[in-house]
Amino acid sequence: MIDKLKRQFHSRTATILGSKDVMKSAVMLPLIEQHGDAHILFEVRAFTLQSQPGEICFPGGKVDKRDLSYADTAKRELCEELGIQSQDIEVIAPLDILVTPFRGIIYPYLGEIKKSATLSPNPAEVDSVFTVPLSTLLEMEPETFETNIHFELGEHFPIEKIANQSKYNKRTHTFTELFYYYDEHVIWGLTARILHHFLQTIKEAETKE
């Protein structure tokens, strides 16, 4: 029996447990060169959207069956939202995957919008765009605030069958939210987490050089 299991698991590649049953999205952290400096482009979501109107985000959206990869999802969504051609985007590298309690799994990518691109944002999704010099962001320290998520057991959850049950009833999970400020813009939430990861990766790489 063990030999059979060895054969079955020999070439298996690990994935994220439960990933088949959750929503998957991909986003692009887009770099663009302006005045000889690298900038990061951000979107202000259209105020007519039902979800997070007016908030700041990176281009991205849900994975579609036609997408060949998560990178293709991020690239397609960026092109649709900013009105640019696929050949004007270069996917540079994947960033760390986010597993979130409410938004499923998010696959971020680092990309470059080439100088040949002409941006024409889709007004149904994007109110406006703005860029921030990468050098400016690298000098920033985000403000941090704690957020609490409270868990409540369902009506028929068999709490009496669990050892140490008092520790499980109405648990609270605390995590840290990051806030970056640039002019009148407030960058927070998942966008700030992806941005922070990218900036920290740069700083860590530079300390090793």
Protein backbone atom coordinates (compact mmCIF):
# COMPACT_ATOMS: atom_id res chain seq x y z
CA MET A 1 0.00 0.00 0.00
CA ILE A 2 2.80 2.43 0.86
CA ASP A 3 4.53 1.68 -2.44
CA LYS A 4 1.30 2.55 -4.26
CA LEU A 5 1.03 5.83 -2.36
CA LYS A 6 4.64 6.64 -3.22
CA ARG A 7 3.83 6.27 -6.91
CA GLN A 8 0.71 8.43 -6.59
CA PHE A 9 2.48 11.25 -4.76
CA HIS A 10 5.91 11.02 -6.41
CA SER A 11 5.47 13.83 -8.94
CA ARG A 12 2.81 15.80 -7.12
CA THR A 13 3.18 19.59 -7.01
CA ALA A 14 1.86 21.38 -3.93
CA THR A 15 -0.83 24.02 -4.31
CA ILE A 16 -2.72 26.14 -1.79
CA LEU A 17 -5.11 23.95 0.18
CA GLY A 18 -8.72 24.75 -0.71
CA SER A 19 -7.74 26.88 -3.70
CA LYS A 20 -10.11 25.02 -6.04
CA ASP A 21 -13.12 26.34 -4.14
CA VAL A 22 -12.28 30.04 -3.75
CA MET A 23 -12.28 33.07 -6.02
CA LYS A 24 -8.97 33.75 -7.75
CA SER A 25 -7.81 37.14 -8.99
CA ALA A 26 -4.63 38.57 -10.42
CA VAL A 27 -3.29 42.13 -10.32
CA MET A 28 -0.41 43.99 -11.91
CA LEU A 29 1.87 46.40 -10.10
CA PRO A 30 2.74 48.53 -13.14
CA LEU A 31 6.02 50.36 -13.52
CA ILE A 32 6.26 53.22 -15.99
CA GLU A 33 9.23 55.45 -16.80
CA GLN A 34 8.69 59.18 -16.48
CA HIS A 35 11.36 61.89 -16.60
CA GLY A 36 14.08 59.26 -16.40
CA ASP A 37 12.72 57.79 -13.16
CA ALA A 38 10.70 54.66 -12.44
CA HIS A 39 7.15 55.40 -11.29
CA ILE A 40 4.37 53.13 -10.05
CA LEU A 41 0.98 53.65 -11.65
CA PHE A 42 -2.17 53.51 -9.53
CA GLU A 43 -5.84 53.58 -10.51
CA VAL A 44 -8.67 55.44 -8.80
CA ARG A 45 -11.69 53.18 -9.15
CA ALA A 46 -14.76 54.62 -10.85
CA PHE A 47 -17.23 56.15 -8.39
CA THR A 48 -20.09 54.31 -10.12
CA LEU A 49 -18.75 50.87 -9.17
CA GLN A 50 -20.62 48.91 -6.51
CA SER A 51 -17.43 47.50 -5.04
CA GLN A 52 -14.95 49.94 -3.45
CA PRO A 53 -15.87 53.02 -5.54
CA GLY A 54 -13.25 55.75 -5.53
CA GLU A 55 -10.60 53.66 -3.81
CA ILE A 56 -7.06 53.25 -5.10
CA CYS A 57 -5.95 49.97 -6.59
CA PHE A 58 -3.67 48.25 -9.06
CA PRO A 59 -5.14 46.99 -12.35
CA GLY A 60 -6.54 43.50 -12.00
CA GLY A 61 -9.58 41.28 -11.66
CA LYS A 62 -10.99 37.79 -11.57
CA VAL A 63 -9.39 34.90 -13.41
CA ASP A 64 -11.25 34.00 -16.59
CA LYS A 65 -11.39 30.51 -18.13
CA ARG A 66 -9.79 31.85 -21.30
CA ASP A 67 -6.69 33.03 -19.40
CA LEU A 68 -3.71 30.73 -19.91
CA SER A 69 -2.07 31.77 -16.64
CA TYR A 70 -2.49 34.14 -13.71
CA ALA A 71 0.01 36.44 -15.40
CA ASP A 72 -2.28 36.49 -18.45
CA THR A 73 -5.18 37.50 -16.20
CA ALA A 74 -3.24 40.43 -14.76
CA LYS A 75 -2.10 41.51 -18.22
CA ARG A 76 -5.57 41.22 -19.77
CA GLU A 77 -7.21 43.17 -16.96
CA LEU A 78 -4.60 45.93 -17.19
CA CYS A 79 -5.16 46.26 -20.94
CA GLU A 80 -8.94 46.36 -20.51
CA GLU A 81 -8.85 48.93 -17.73
CA LEU A 82 -6.19 51.22 -19.19
CA GLY A 83 -7.04 50.80 -22.86
CA ILE A 84 -3.59 49.75 -24.01
CA GLN A 85 -2.33 46.95 -26.24
CA SER A 86 -0.93 43.66 -24.98
CA GLN A 87 2.43 44.28 -26.67
CA ASP A 88 2.84 47.43 -24.59
CA ILE A 89 3.01 45.39 -21.38
CA GLU A 90 5.94 43.32 -20.14
CA VAL A 91 5.39 40.97 -17.22
CA ILE A 92 8.62 41.10 -15.20
CA ALA A 93 8.07 38.70 -12.29
CA PRO A 94 5.49 37.27 -9.91
CA LEU A 95 5.16 38.82 -6.45
CA ASP A 96 4.08 36.92 -3.36
CA ILE A 97 0.60 35.37 -3.41
CA LEU A 98 -2.04 36.75 -1.04
CA VAL A 99 -4.51 34.40 0.64
CA THR A 100 -7.30 36.60 2.00
CA PRO A 101 -10.34 35.83 4.18
CA PHE A 102 -12.84 37.69 1.97
CA ARG A 103 -11.29 38.15 -1.48
CA GLY A 104 -9.99 34.63 -2.08
CA ILE A 105 -6.50 34.18 -3.53
CA ILE A 106 -4.77 37.07 -5.29
CA TYR A 107 -1.81 36.57 -7.62
CA PRO A 108 0.18 39.82 -7.99
CA TYR A 109 2.71 40.48 -10.75
CA LEU A 110 5.29 43.15 -11.40
CA GLY A 111 5.05 44.59 -14.90
CA GLU A 112 6.21 47.45 -17.09
CA ILE A 113 4.08 49.71 -19.24
CA LYS A 114 6.30 50.53 -22.19
CA LYS A 115 6.91 54.04 -23.48
CA SER A 116 5.03 53.18 -26.67
CA ALA A 117 1.75 52.79 -24.76
CA THR A 118 -1.03 55.35 -24.96
CA LEU A 119 -3.30 55.17 -21.93
CA SER A 120 -7.04 55.48 -22.43
CA PRO A 121 -8.66 54.39 -19.14
CA ASN A 122 -12.07 52.73 -19.30
CA PRO A 123 -14.43 55.18 -17.52
CA ALA A 124 -16.73 52.34 -16.46
CA GLU A 125 -13.95 50.98 -14.25
CA VAL A 126 -11.38 53.73 -13.80
CA ASP A 127 -12.03 57.31 -12.69
CA SER A 128 -8.42 58.41 -13.11
CA VAL A 129 -4.81 57.28 -12.82
CA PHE A 130 -1.77 58.77 -11.15
CA THR A 131 1.86 57.81 -10.72
CA VAL A 132 4.25 58.04 -7.80
CA PRO A 133 8.05 57.99 -8.17
CA LEU A 134 9.48 54.74 -6.89
CA SER A 135 12.23 56.69 -5.14
CA THR A 136 9.57 58.60 -3.18
CA LEU A 137 7.77 55.44 -2.11
CA LEU A 138 11.02 53.82 -0.99
CA GLU A 139 11.53 56.70 1.46
CA MET A 140 8.04 56.37 2.94
CA GLU A 141 7.08 54.45 6.06
CA PRO A 142 3.41 53.48 6.09
CA GLU A 143 1.15 54.20 9.03
CA THR A 144 -0.10 51.02 10.68
CA PHE A 145 -3.44 50.32 12.32
CA GLU A 146 -4.85 47.16 13.85
CA THR A 147 -8.05 45.59 12.56
CA ASN A 148 -9.99 42.89 14.41
CA ILE A 149 -11.99 40.10 12.79
CA HIS A 150 -14.45 38.36 15.09
CA PHE A 151 -15.42 34.73 14.50
CA GLU A 152 -18.82 33.49 15.61
CA LEU A 153 -19.76 29.82 15.50
CA GLY A 154 -22.78 28.73 13.50
CA GLU A 155 -26.01 27.81 15.27
CA HIS A 156 -25.44 24.06 15.08
CA PHE A 157 -21.66 24.01 15.41
CA PRO A 158 -20.79 21.10 17.80
CA ILE A 159 -18.62 23.14 20.18
CA GLU A 160 -19.23 20.64 22.98
CA LYS A 161 -17.21 18.03 21.06
CA ILE A 162 -14.03 20.12 21.05
CA ALA A 163 -11.45 20.06 23.79
CA ASN A 164 -10.66 23.46 25.31
CA GLN A 165 -13.87 24.74 23.72
CA SER A 166 -13.87 28.08 25.56
CA LYS A 167 -10.84 29.17 23.54
CA TYR A 168 -12.70 28.67 20.26
CA ASN A 169 -15.93 30.47 21.00
CA LYS A 170 -15.99 34.05 19.65
CA ARG A 171 -12.31 34.17 18.75
CA THR A 172 -10.77 37.41 17.53
CA HIS A 173 -8.02 37.65 14.95
CA THR A 174 -5.99 40.85 14.75
CA PHE A 175 -4.03 41.92 11.70
CA THR A 176 -2.27 45.10 10.64
CA GLU A 177 -3.50 47.46 7.93
CA LEU A 178 -1.01 49.71 6.14
CA PHE A 179 -1.67 53.27 4.94
CA TYR A 180 0.44 55.23 2.44
CA TYR A 181 -0.35 58.87 1.65
CA TYR A 182 0.60 60.73 -1.51
CA ASP A 183 -0.89 64.16 -2.21
CA GLU A 184 -4.65 63.69 -1.71
CA HIS A 185 -4.46 59.94 -2.29
CA VAL A 186 -4.81 57.27 0.39
CA ILE A 187 -3.38 53.86 -0.49
CA TRP A 188 -4.43 51.12 1.89
CA GLY A 189 -5.83 47.57 2.09
CA LEU A 190 -4.60 44.88 -0.27
CA THR A 191 -3.04 47.47 -2.58
CA ALA A 192 -0.90 48.77 0.28
CA ARG A 193 0.08 45.21 1.27
CA ILE A 194 1.24 44.40 -2.26
CA LEU A 195 3.05 47.73 -2.52
CA HIS A 196 4.77 47.22 0.83
CA HIS A 197 5.89 43.71 -0.13
CA PHE A 198 7.37 45.06 -3.38
CA LEU A 199 9.20 47.91 -1.64
CA GLN A 200 10.56 45.61 1.08
CA THR A 201 11.78 43.17 -1.56
CA ILE A 202 13.75 45.98 -3.22
CA LYS A 203 15.26 47.07 0.10
CA GLU A 204 16.24 43.51 1.01
CA ALA A 205 17.86 42.97 -2.40
CA GLU A 206 19.84 46.22 -2.07
CA THR A 207 21.22 45.27 1.35
CA LYS A 208 22.58 42.04 -0.13
CA GLU A 209 24.42 43.79 -2.97
